[in-house]
Amino acid sequence: MEYPLGGHVQAMCGLIRIDGLTLHFMGMEPTYIPVLTQKSVTVAATTTAFVFEGYGISLNVEFLSPLLPKDLDLLTRPVIYVTFTLHATDGNEHSIEIYFDNTAELVVNETNPKVIAAQQHIKDMEILSFQSDEQAILVRKGDDVRIDWGIQYLAISGATQMSNLERCD
């Protein structure tokens, strides 16, 4: 998925490897990888769910923002949970790997500020974080403005491998 805001890209990418075959299910890039067919999308008040099918599997990708108005603490928490659910549609076992990423563009207003990336392991969780070095909290205002403060976390429980690119010049 690519969310262009005023011409600014905030890119996400999802790839799945099914029995050695890599397919693309989310994002604009890479265009040279075949696409896993999207069967449906369901948009509700707090969730958006996508279903992809092919090659003997069904993949459900759900984005959940727990924005419940009766719980102010939860309502103001800037969190999105992304859940991947897989099942075989052909009755066979499959070797599955999922690749999901987003760029650090999600934590800056423009692409030129320095971004700090970190990786840590806490209990059974692998956690990546990105943040603008500047942390210009509520400095900018108006239209065509993106967030320029806070920390983005990407965490997974029981990960076999999780990594980030520390520096890109």
N, C-alpha and C. Protein backbone atom coordinates (compact mmCIF):
# COMPACT_ATOMS: atom_id res chain seq x y z
N MET A 1 0.84 -1.17 0.00
CA MET A 1 0.00 0.00 0.00
C MET A 1 0.88 1.22 0.00
N GLU A 2 0.42 2.21 -0.71
CA GLU A 2 1.14 3.47 -0.72
C GLU A 2 0.11 4.54 -0.42
N TYR A 3 0.37 5.33 0.58
CA TYR A 3 -0.55 6.38 0.97
C TYR A 3 0.06 7.72 0.62
N PRO A 4 -0.22 8.23 -0.59
CA PRO A 4 0.35 9.53 -0.95
C PRO A 4 -0.46 10.64 -0.29
N LEU A 5 0.17 11.40 0.55
CA LEU A 5 -0.47 12.55 1.20
C LEU A 5 0.17 13.80 0.63
N GLY A 6 -0.57 14.51 -0.19
CA GLY A 6 -0.03 15.72 -0.79
C GLY A 6 1.20 15.42 -1.64
N GLY A 7 1.23 14.26 -2.27
CA GLY A 7 2.37 13.87 -3.08
C GLY A 7 3.49 13.20 -2.31
N HIS A 8 3.32 13.03 -1.00
CA HIS A 8 4.33 12.39 -0.17
C HIS A 8 3.98 10.92 0.02
N VAL A 9 4.94 10.05 -0.22
CA VAL A 9 4.72 8.61 -0.12
C VAL A 9 4.96 8.15 1.31
N GLN A 10 4.07 7.29 1.79
CA GLN A 10 4.24 6.61 3.07
C GLN A 10 4.01 5.13 2.75
N ALA A 11 5.09 4.47 2.36
CA ALA A 11 4.99 3.16 1.73
C ALA A 11 4.95 2.00 2.72
N MET A 12 4.19 0.97 2.32
CA MET A 12 4.14 -0.31 3.02
C MET A 12 4.30 -1.39 1.96
N CYS A 13 4.82 -2.54 2.37
CA CYS A 13 5.01 -3.64 1.43
C CYS A 13 4.69 -4.95 2.13
N GLY A 14 3.98 -5.82 1.44
CA GLY A 14 3.69 -7.15 1.96
C GLY A 14 3.98 -8.19 0.89
N LEU A 15 4.83 -9.15 1.24
CA LEU A 15 5.15 -10.26 0.35
C LEU A 15 4.87 -11.56 1.10
N ILE A 16 4.52 -12.59 0.37
CA ILE A 16 4.32 -13.91 0.96
C ILE A 16 5.05 -14.93 0.10
N ARG A 17 5.74 -15.85 0.75
CA ARG A 17 6.39 -16.95 0.03
C ARG A 17 5.60 -18.21 0.35
N ILE A 18 5.04 -18.81 -0.69
CA ILE A 18 4.24 -20.03 -0.56
C ILE A 18 4.99 -21.14 -1.28
N ASP A 19 5.48 -22.10 -0.52
CA ASP A 19 6.21 -23.23 -1.09
C ASP A 19 7.31 -22.78 -2.05
N GLY A 20 8.02 -21.72 -1.67
CA GLY A 20 9.15 -21.23 -2.46
C GLY A 20 8.81 -20.18 -3.50
N LEU A 21 7.53 -19.92 -3.75
CA LEU A 21 7.11 -18.92 -4.73
C LEU A 21 6.77 -17.62 -4.01
N THR A 22 7.44 -16.53 -4.37
CA THR A 22 7.19 -15.24 -3.73
C THR A 22 6.12 -14.48 -4.50
N LEU A 23 5.13 -13.98 -3.75
CA LEU A 23 4.03 -13.21 -4.31
C LEU A 23 3.88 -11.91 -3.53
N HIS A 24 3.33 -10.93 -4.20
CA HIS A 24 3.16 -9.58 -3.67
C HIS A 24 1.69 -9.42 -3.28
N PHE A 25 1.39 -9.00 -2.03
CA PHE A 25 -0.01 -8.79 -1.67
C PHE A 25 -0.32 -7.38 -1.18
N MET A 26 0.69 -6.55 -0.94
CA MET A 26 0.42 -5.21 -0.44
C MET A 26 1.52 -4.26 -0.88
N GLY A 27 1.11 -3.07 -1.33
CA GLY A 27 2.06 -2.05 -1.72
C GLY A 27 2.18 -1.92 -3.23
N MET A 28 2.83 -0.83 -3.64
CA MET A 28 3.02 -0.55 -5.06
C MET A 28 4.28 -1.21 -5.62
N GLU A 29 5.22 -1.49 -4.77
CA GLU A 29 6.49 -2.08 -5.18
C GLU A 29 6.71 -3.38 -4.43
N PRO A 30 7.47 -4.29 -4.94
CA PRO A 30 8.12 -4.34 -6.25
C PRO A 30 7.14 -4.83 -7.31
N THR A 31 7.15 -4.18 -8.45
CA THR A 31 6.19 -4.49 -9.51
C THR A 31 6.55 -5.75 -10.29
N TYR A 32 7.77 -6.22 -10.17
CA TYR A 32 8.20 -7.40 -10.93
C TYR A 32 7.80 -8.72 -10.25
N ILE A 33 7.24 -8.67 -9.05
CA ILE A 33 6.83 -9.89 -8.35
C ILE A 33 5.35 -10.12 -8.62
N PRO A 34 4.95 -11.35 -8.96
CA PRO A 34 3.53 -11.64 -9.22
C PRO A 34 2.67 -11.32 -7.99
N VAL A 35 1.41 -11.00 -8.26
CA VAL A 35 0.49 -10.56 -7.21
C VAL A 35 -0.40 -11.72 -6.76
N LEU A 36 -0.58 -11.85 -5.44
CA LEU A 36 -1.56 -12.78 -4.88
C LEU A 36 -2.93 -12.11 -5.02
N THR A 37 -3.90 -12.82 -5.54
CA THR A 37 -5.20 -12.25 -5.87
C THR A 37 -5.97 -11.80 -4.63
N GLN A 38 -6.41 -10.54 -4.66
CA GLN A 38 -7.26 -10.04 -3.57
C GLN A 38 -8.69 -10.45 -3.86
N LYS A 39 -9.32 -11.13 -2.90
CA LYS A 39 -10.70 -11.59 -3.07
C LYS A 39 -11.71 -10.62 -2.48
N SER A 40 -11.33 -9.93 -1.40
CA SER A 40 -12.28 -9.01 -0.79
C SER A 40 -11.57 -8.01 0.11
N VAL A 41 -12.30 -6.94 0.41
CA VAL A 41 -11.88 -5.98 1.43
C VAL A 41 -13.15 -5.59 2.19
N THR A 42 -13.04 -5.56 3.51
CA THR A 42 -14.16 -5.18 4.36
C THR A 42 -13.70 -4.02 5.24
N VAL A 43 -14.42 -2.91 5.15
CA VAL A 43 -14.09 -1.74 5.95
C VAL A 43 -15.19 -1.54 6.99
N ALA A 44 -14.79 -1.51 8.25
CA ALA A 44 -15.73 -1.30 9.36
C ALA A 44 -15.21 -0.13 10.20
N ALA A 45 -15.90 0.17 11.28
CA ALA A 45 -15.56 1.33 12.10
C ALA A 45 -14.14 1.29 12.64
N THR A 46 -13.68 0.13 13.09
CA THR A 46 -12.34 0.04 13.70
C THR A 46 -11.41 -0.91 12.97
N THR A 47 -11.88 -1.55 11.91
CA THR A 47 -11.03 -2.52 11.20
C THR A 47 -11.16 -2.37 9.70
N THR A 48 -10.08 -2.74 9.03
CA THR A 48 -10.10 -2.96 7.59
C THR A 48 -9.45 -4.31 7.36
N ALA A 49 -10.17 -5.21 6.70
CA ALA A 49 -9.68 -6.58 6.51
C ALA A 49 -9.63 -6.91 5.02
N PHE A 50 -8.52 -7.49 4.61
CA PHE A 50 -8.30 -7.91 3.23
C PHE A 50 -8.18 -9.42 3.20
N VAL A 51 -8.76 -10.05 2.18
CA VAL A 51 -8.60 -11.49 1.98
C VAL A 51 -7.95 -11.70 0.63
N PHE A 52 -6.86 -12.47 0.63
CA PHE A 52 -6.13 -12.83 -0.58
C PHE A 52 -6.15 -14.34 -0.70
N GLU A 53 -6.26 -14.85 -1.93
CA GLU A 53 -6.28 -16.30 -2.13
C GLU A 53 -5.49 -16.69 -3.36
N GLY A 54 -4.95 -17.89 -3.28
CA GLY A 54 -4.25 -18.47 -4.41
C GLY A 54 -3.20 -19.46 -3.95
N TYR A 55 -2.81 -20.34 -4.86
CA TYR A 55 -1.73 -21.29 -4.61
C TYR A 55 -2.00 -22.15 -3.38
N GLY A 56 -3.29 -22.46 -3.15
CA GLY A 56 -3.66 -23.37 -2.07
C GLY A 56 -3.81 -22.76 -0.70
N ILE A 57 -3.76 -21.41 -0.61
CA ILE A 57 -3.88 -20.77 0.71
C ILE A 57 -4.86 -19.60 0.65
N SER A 58 -5.31 -19.20 1.83
CA SER A 58 -6.07 -17.97 2.00
C SER A 58 -5.36 -17.15 3.07
N LEU A 59 -5.11 -15.89 2.77
CA LEU A 59 -4.42 -14.97 3.68
C LEU A 59 -5.38 -13.85 4.04
N ASN A 60 -5.61 -13.66 5.35
CA ASN A 60 -6.42 -12.55 5.84
C ASN A 60 -5.48 -11.57 6.52
N VAL A 61 -5.51 -10.31 6.09
CA VAL A 61 -4.70 -9.25 6.69
C VAL A 61 -5.68 -8.24 7.27
N GLU A 62 -5.59 -8.05 8.59
CA GLU A 62 -6.53 -7.15 9.26
C GLU A 62 -5.77 -6.02 9.96
N PHE A 63 -6.22 -4.80 9.71
CA PHE A 63 -5.71 -3.61 10.38
C PHE A 63 -6.78 -3.18 11.39
N LEU A 64 -6.41 -3.13 12.66
CA LEU A 64 -7.35 -2.80 13.73
C LEU A 64 -6.87 -1.59 14.50
N SER A 65 -7.72 -0.58 14.58
CA SER A 65 -7.47 0.58 15.44
C SER A 65 -8.54 0.55 16.53
N PRO A 66 -8.15 0.24 17.76
CA PRO A 66 -9.15 0.08 18.83
C PRO A 66 -9.67 1.43 19.33
N LEU A 67 -10.42 2.10 18.49
CA LEU A 67 -10.90 3.45 18.80
C LEU A 67 -12.29 3.36 19.43
N LEU A 68 -12.34 3.02 20.70
CA LEU A 68 -13.61 2.85 21.39
C LEU A 68 -13.92 4.11 22.21
N PRO A 69 -14.98 4.83 21.87
CA PRO A 69 -15.25 6.12 22.50
C PRO A 69 -15.53 6.04 24.00
N LYS A 70 -15.90 4.88 24.52
CA LYS A 70 -16.17 4.76 25.96
C LYS A 70 -14.90 4.64 26.79
N ASP A 71 -13.76 4.44 26.12
CA ASP A 71 -12.48 4.29 26.83
C ASP A 71 -11.52 5.35 26.30
N LEU A 72 -11.44 6.48 26.99
CA LEU A 72 -10.63 7.61 26.51
C LEU A 72 -9.16 7.25 26.37
N ASP A 73 -8.61 6.46 27.30
CA ASP A 73 -7.21 6.05 27.20
C ASP A 73 -6.97 5.25 25.93
N LEU A 74 -7.87 4.33 25.64
CA LEU A 74 -7.74 3.51 24.43
C LEU A 74 -7.99 4.35 23.18
N LEU A 75 -8.95 5.23 23.24
CA LEU A 75 -9.29 6.08 22.10
C LEU A 75 -8.13 6.97 21.67
N THR A 76 -7.34 7.43 22.62
CA THR A 76 -6.24 8.35 22.31
C THR A 76 -4.92 7.63 22.07
N ARG A 77 -4.93 6.32 22.13
CA ARG A 77 -3.71 5.54 21.89
C ARG A 77 -3.49 5.42 20.38
N PRO A 78 -2.40 5.96 19.85
CA PRO A 78 -2.16 5.90 18.40
C PRO A 78 -1.58 4.55 17.99
N VAL A 79 -2.43 3.54 18.00
CA VAL A 79 -1.97 2.17 17.74
C VAL A 79 -2.80 1.56 16.62
N ILE A 80 -2.11 0.82 15.76
CA ILE A 80 -2.79 -0.01 14.77
C ILE A 80 -2.20 -1.41 14.91
N TYR A 81 -3.07 -2.38 15.10
CA TYR A 81 -2.65 -3.77 15.15
C TYR A 81 -2.83 -4.37 13.76
N VAL A 82 -1.81 -5.07 13.28
CA VAL A 82 -1.89 -5.75 12.00
C VAL A 82 -1.79 -7.24 12.28
N THR A 83 -2.81 -7.99 11.84
CA THR A 83 -2.86 -9.42 12.10
C THR A 83 -2.89 -10.17 10.77
N PHE A 84 -2.07 -11.20 10.67
CA PHE A 84 -2.04 -12.06 9.50
C PHE A 84 -2.58 -13.43 9.91
N THR A 85 -3.59 -13.92 9.20
CA THR A 85 -4.16 -15.24 9.46
C THR A 85 -4.12 -16.03 8.17
N LEU A 86 -3.60 -17.24 8.26
CA LEU A 86 -3.45 -18.10 7.08
C LEU A 86 -4.18 -19.41 7.28
N HIS A 87 -4.71 -19.96 6.21
CA HIS A 87 -5.16 -21.34 6.24
C HIS A 87 -5.11 -21.92 4.83
N ALA A 88 -4.92 -23.23 4.78
CA ALA A 88 -4.85 -23.93 3.49
C ALA A 88 -6.26 -24.07 2.93
N THR A 89 -6.40 -23.88 1.64
CA THR A 89 -7.69 -24.05 0.98
C THR A 89 -7.75 -25.34 0.17
N ASP A 90 -6.61 -26.01 0.06
CA ASP A 90 -6.54 -27.23 -0.74
C ASP A 90 -6.32 -28.48 0.10
N GLY A 91 -6.31 -28.34 1.43
CA GLY A 91 -6.11 -29.50 2.31
C GLY A 91 -4.68 -29.95 2.46
N ASN A 92 -3.74 -29.26 1.83
CA ASN A 92 -2.32 -29.64 1.91
C ASN A 92 -1.58 -28.75 2.89
N GLU A 93 -0.42 -29.23 3.37
CA GLU A 93 0.47 -28.40 4.17
C GLU A 93 1.32 -27.55 3.23
N HIS A 94 1.61 -26.34 3.66
CA HIS A 94 2.41 -25.43 2.85
C HIS A 94 3.49 -24.78 3.70
N SER A 95 4.62 -24.49 3.07
CA SER A 95 5.67 -23.72 3.71
C SER A 95 5.38 -22.25 3.42
N ILE A 96 5.18 -21.46 4.49
CA ILE A 96 4.76 -20.07 4.33
C ILE A 96 5.72 -19.14 5.06
N GLU A 97 6.11 -18.05 4.40
CA GLU A 97 6.86 -16.96 5.02
C GLU A 97 6.17 -15.66 4.63
N ILE A 98 6.05 -14.74 5.59
CA ILE A 98 5.45 -13.43 5.31
C ILE A 98 6.49 -12.35 5.54
N TYR A 99 6.57 -11.43 4.60
CA TYR A 99 7.44 -10.27 4.71
C TYR A 99 6.53 -9.05 4.76
N PHE A 100 6.68 -8.24 5.79
CA PHE A 100 5.88 -7.02 5.93
C PHE A 100 6.81 -5.90 6.34
N ASP A 101 6.72 -4.78 5.67
CA ASP A 101 7.52 -3.63 6.10
C ASP A 101 6.81 -2.33 5.77
N ASN A 102 7.30 -1.32 6.40
CA ASN A 102 6.92 0.04 6.03
C ASN A 102 8.17 0.89 6.19
N THR A 103 8.14 2.00 5.51
CA THR A 103 9.31 2.87 5.54
C THR A 103 9.24 3.81 6.74
N ALA A 104 10.35 4.42 7.05
CA ALA A 104 10.40 5.41 8.12
C ALA A 104 9.73 6.71 7.69
N GLU A 105 9.24 6.77 6.47
CA GLU A 105 8.48 7.94 6.01
C GLU A 105 7.24 8.18 6.88
N LEU A 106 6.80 7.15 7.59
CA LEU A 106 5.62 7.28 8.44
C LEU A 106 5.86 8.15 9.68
N VAL A 107 7.12 8.43 10.01
CA VAL A 107 7.41 9.19 11.24
C VAL A 107 7.99 10.58 10.98
N VAL A 108 8.02 11.01 9.73
CA VAL A 108 8.58 12.32 9.41
C VAL A 108 7.66 13.08 8.45
N ASN A 109 7.76 14.39 8.49
CA ASN A 109 6.98 15.24 7.59
C ASN A 109 7.57 15.22 6.19
N GLU A 110 8.87 15.28 6.08
CA GLU A 110 9.58 15.24 4.80
C GLU A 110 10.57 14.09 4.85
N THR A 111 11.16 13.74 3.73
CA THR A 111 12.08 12.60 3.70
C THR A 111 13.51 12.96 4.08
N ASN A 112 13.81 14.24 4.29
CA ASN A 112 15.20 14.60 4.57
C ASN A 112 15.61 14.59 6.05
N PRO A 113 14.70 14.64 7.06
CA PRO A 113 15.19 14.62 8.44
C PRO A 113 15.84 13.28 8.80
N LYS A 114 16.75 13.34 9.75
CA LYS A 114 17.40 12.13 10.24
C LYS A 114 16.37 11.30 11.02
N VAL A 115 16.38 9.99 10.75
CA VAL A 115 15.51 9.04 11.44
C VAL A 115 16.37 8.07 12.21
N ILE A 116 15.98 7.79 13.43
CA ILE A 116 16.70 6.83 14.27
C ILE A 116 15.93 5.51 14.25
N ALA A 117 16.64 4.44 13.95
CA ALA A 117 16.04 3.10 13.96
C ALA A 117 16.72 2.27 15.04
N ALA A 118 15.95 1.42 15.69
CA ALA A 118 16.51 0.56 16.73
C ALA A 118 15.80 -0.77 16.71
N GLN A 119 16.49 -1.80 17.18
CA GLN A 119 15.91 -3.13 17.29
C GLN A 119 16.21 -3.65 18.69
N GLN A 120 15.19 -4.26 19.30
CA GLN A 120 15.39 -4.83 20.63
C GLN A 120 14.58 -6.11 20.79
N HIS A 121 14.97 -6.89 21.77
CA HIS A 121 14.29 -8.15 22.09
C HIS A 121 13.80 -8.05 23.53
N ILE A 122 12.49 -8.18 23.73
CA ILE A 122 11.90 -8.16 25.07
C ILE A 122 11.01 -9.38 25.21
N LYS A 123 11.36 -10.24 26.16
CA LYS A 123 10.66 -11.52 26.38
C LYS A 123 10.64 -12.27 25.06
N ASP A 124 9.47 -12.60 24.53
CA ASP A 124 9.42 -13.34 23.26
C ASP A 124 9.09 -12.42 22.09
N MET A 125 9.30 -11.12 22.26
CA MET A 125 8.97 -10.15 21.23
C MET A 125 10.23 -9.58 20.58
N GLU A 126 10.19 -9.48 19.26
CA GLU A 126 11.20 -8.73 18.51
C GLU A 126 10.55 -7.41 18.13
N ILE A 127 11.25 -6.32 18.42
CA ILE A 127 10.66 -4.99 18.24
C ILE A 127 11.60 -4.10 17.44
N LEU A 128 11.06 -3.50 16.38
CA LEU A 128 11.78 -2.47 15.62
C LEU A 128 11.11 -1.14 15.93
N SER A 129 11.90 -0.09 16.01
CA SER A 129 11.31 1.23 16.22
C SER A 129 11.97 2.25 15.30
N PHE A 130 11.18 3.25 14.93
CA PHE A 130 11.65 4.35 14.11
C PHE A 130 11.15 5.64 14.73
N GLN A 131 11.99 6.66 14.72
CA GLN A 131 11.54 7.97 15.19
C GLN A 131 12.37 9.05 14.54
N SER A 132 11.75 10.21 14.39
CA SER A 132 12.47 11.37 13.91
C SER A 132 13.47 11.79 14.97
N ASP A 133 14.67 12.10 14.56
CA ASP A 133 15.69 12.54 15.51
C ASP A 133 15.29 13.86 16.17
N GLU A 134 14.60 14.69 15.42
CA GLU A 134 14.26 16.03 15.88
C GLU A 134 13.11 16.05 16.90
N GLN A 135 12.11 15.20 16.75
CA GLN A 135 10.91 15.16 17.61
C GLN A 135 10.28 16.55 17.75
N ALA A 136 9.87 17.11 16.61
CA ALA A 136 9.26 18.44 16.56
C ALA A 136 7.76 18.32 16.88
N ILE A 137 7.44 18.20 18.16
CA ILE A 137 6.08 17.93 18.60
C ILE A 137 5.17 19.13 18.33
N LEU A 138 4.18 18.90 17.47
CA LEU A 138 3.16 19.90 17.13
C LEU A 138 3.73 21.24 16.68
N VAL A 139 4.90 21.22 16.05
CA VAL A 139 5.52 22.45 15.57
C VAL A 139 4.86 22.91 14.27
N ARG A 140 4.56 21.97 13.38
CA ARG A 140 3.98 22.33 12.10
C ARG A 140 2.46 22.35 12.21
N LYS A 141 1.83 23.14 11.35
CA LYS A 141 0.38 23.19 11.32
C LYS A 141 -0.07 23.46 9.90
N GLY A 142 -1.33 23.20 9.63
CA GLY A 142 -1.89 23.47 8.33
C GLY A 142 -2.12 22.21 7.52
N ASP A 143 -2.43 22.41 6.26
CA ASP A 143 -2.65 21.30 5.34
C ASP A 143 -1.30 20.78 4.84
N ASP A 144 -1.32 19.61 4.25
CA ASP A 144 -0.12 19.00 3.68
C ASP A 144 0.98 18.86 4.73
N VAL A 145 0.60 18.43 5.93
CA VAL A 145 1.54 18.23 7.03
C VAL A 145 1.35 16.82 7.57
N ARG A 146 2.45 16.13 7.76
CA ARG A 146 2.43 14.80 8.34
C ARG A 146 3.05 14.84 9.73
N ILE A 147 2.93 13.76 10.45
CA ILE A 147 3.50 13.69 11.79
C ILE A 147 5.02 13.83 11.71
N ASP A 148 5.60 14.44 12.71
CA ASP A 148 7.05 14.63 12.74
C ASP A 148 7.58 14.36 14.14
N TRP A 149 6.83 13.54 14.89
CA TRP A 149 7.23 13.24 16.26
C TRP A 149 6.60 11.90 16.67
N GLY A 150 7.04 11.39 17.77
CA GLY A 150 6.55 10.10 18.25
C GLY A 150 7.44 8.98 17.76
N ILE A 151 7.09 7.78 18.16
CA ILE A 151 7.87 6.59 17.81
C ILE A 151 6.95 5.57 17.18
N GLN A 152 7.39 4.99 16.08
CA GLN A 152 6.66 3.91 15.45
C GLN A 152 7.31 2.61 15.88
N TYR A 153 6.49 1.67 16.36
CA TYR A 153 6.99 0.35 16.74
C TYR A 153 6.38 -0.69 15.82
N LEU A 154 7.19 -1.65 15.44
CA LEU A 154 6.73 -2.82 14.72
C LEU A 154 7.20 -4.01 15.54
N ALA A 155 6.26 -4.77 16.09
CA ALA A 155 6.62 -5.86 17.00
C ALA A 155 5.97 -7.15 16.55
N ILE A 156 6.66 -8.25 16.81
CA ILE A 156 6.14 -9.57 16.48
C ILE A 156 6.54 -10.54 17.58
N SER A 157 5.62 -11.40 17.91
CA SER A 157 5.86 -12.40 18.95
C SER A 157 6.37 -13.68 18.31
N GLY A 158 7.42 -14.25 18.90
CA GLY A 158 7.95 -15.52 18.40
C GLY A 158 8.57 -15.43 17.02
N ALA A 159 9.12 -14.29 16.67
CA ALA A 159 9.71 -14.10 15.34
C ALA A 159 10.93 -14.98 15.15
N THR A 160 11.05 -15.52 13.97
CA THR A 160 12.27 -16.25 13.66
C THR A 160 13.33 -15.31 13.12
N GLN A 161 12.89 -14.25 12.45
CA GLN A 161 13.84 -13.28 11.92
C GLN A 161 13.14 -11.94 11.73
N MET A 162 13.74 -10.91 12.27
CA MET A 162 13.22 -9.56 12.09
C MET A 162 14.42 -8.64 12.02
N SER A 163 14.44 -7.76 11.04
CA SER A 163 15.61 -6.89 10.91
C SER A 163 15.20 -5.56 10.32
N ASN A 164 16.11 -4.61 10.41
CA ASN A 164 15.89 -3.32 9.80
C ASN A 164 17.18 -2.84 9.16
N LEU A 165 17.03 -1.95 8.20
CA LEU A 165 18.17 -1.32 7.56
C LEU A 165 18.55 -0.13 8.42
N GLU A 166 19.74 -0.16 9.00
CA GLU A 166 20.18 0.87 9.94
C GLU A 166 20.40 2.22 9.27
N ARG A 167 20.91 2.20 8.05
CA ARG A 167 21.30 3.47 7.43
C ARG A 167 21.17 3.34 5.92
N CYS A 168 20.68 4.38 5.32
CA CYS A 168 20.57 4.40 3.87
C CYS A 168 20.98 5.79 3.40
N ASP A 169 22.08 5.88 2.68
CA ASP A 169 22.56 7.17 2.19
C ASP A 169 22.29 7.30 0.70
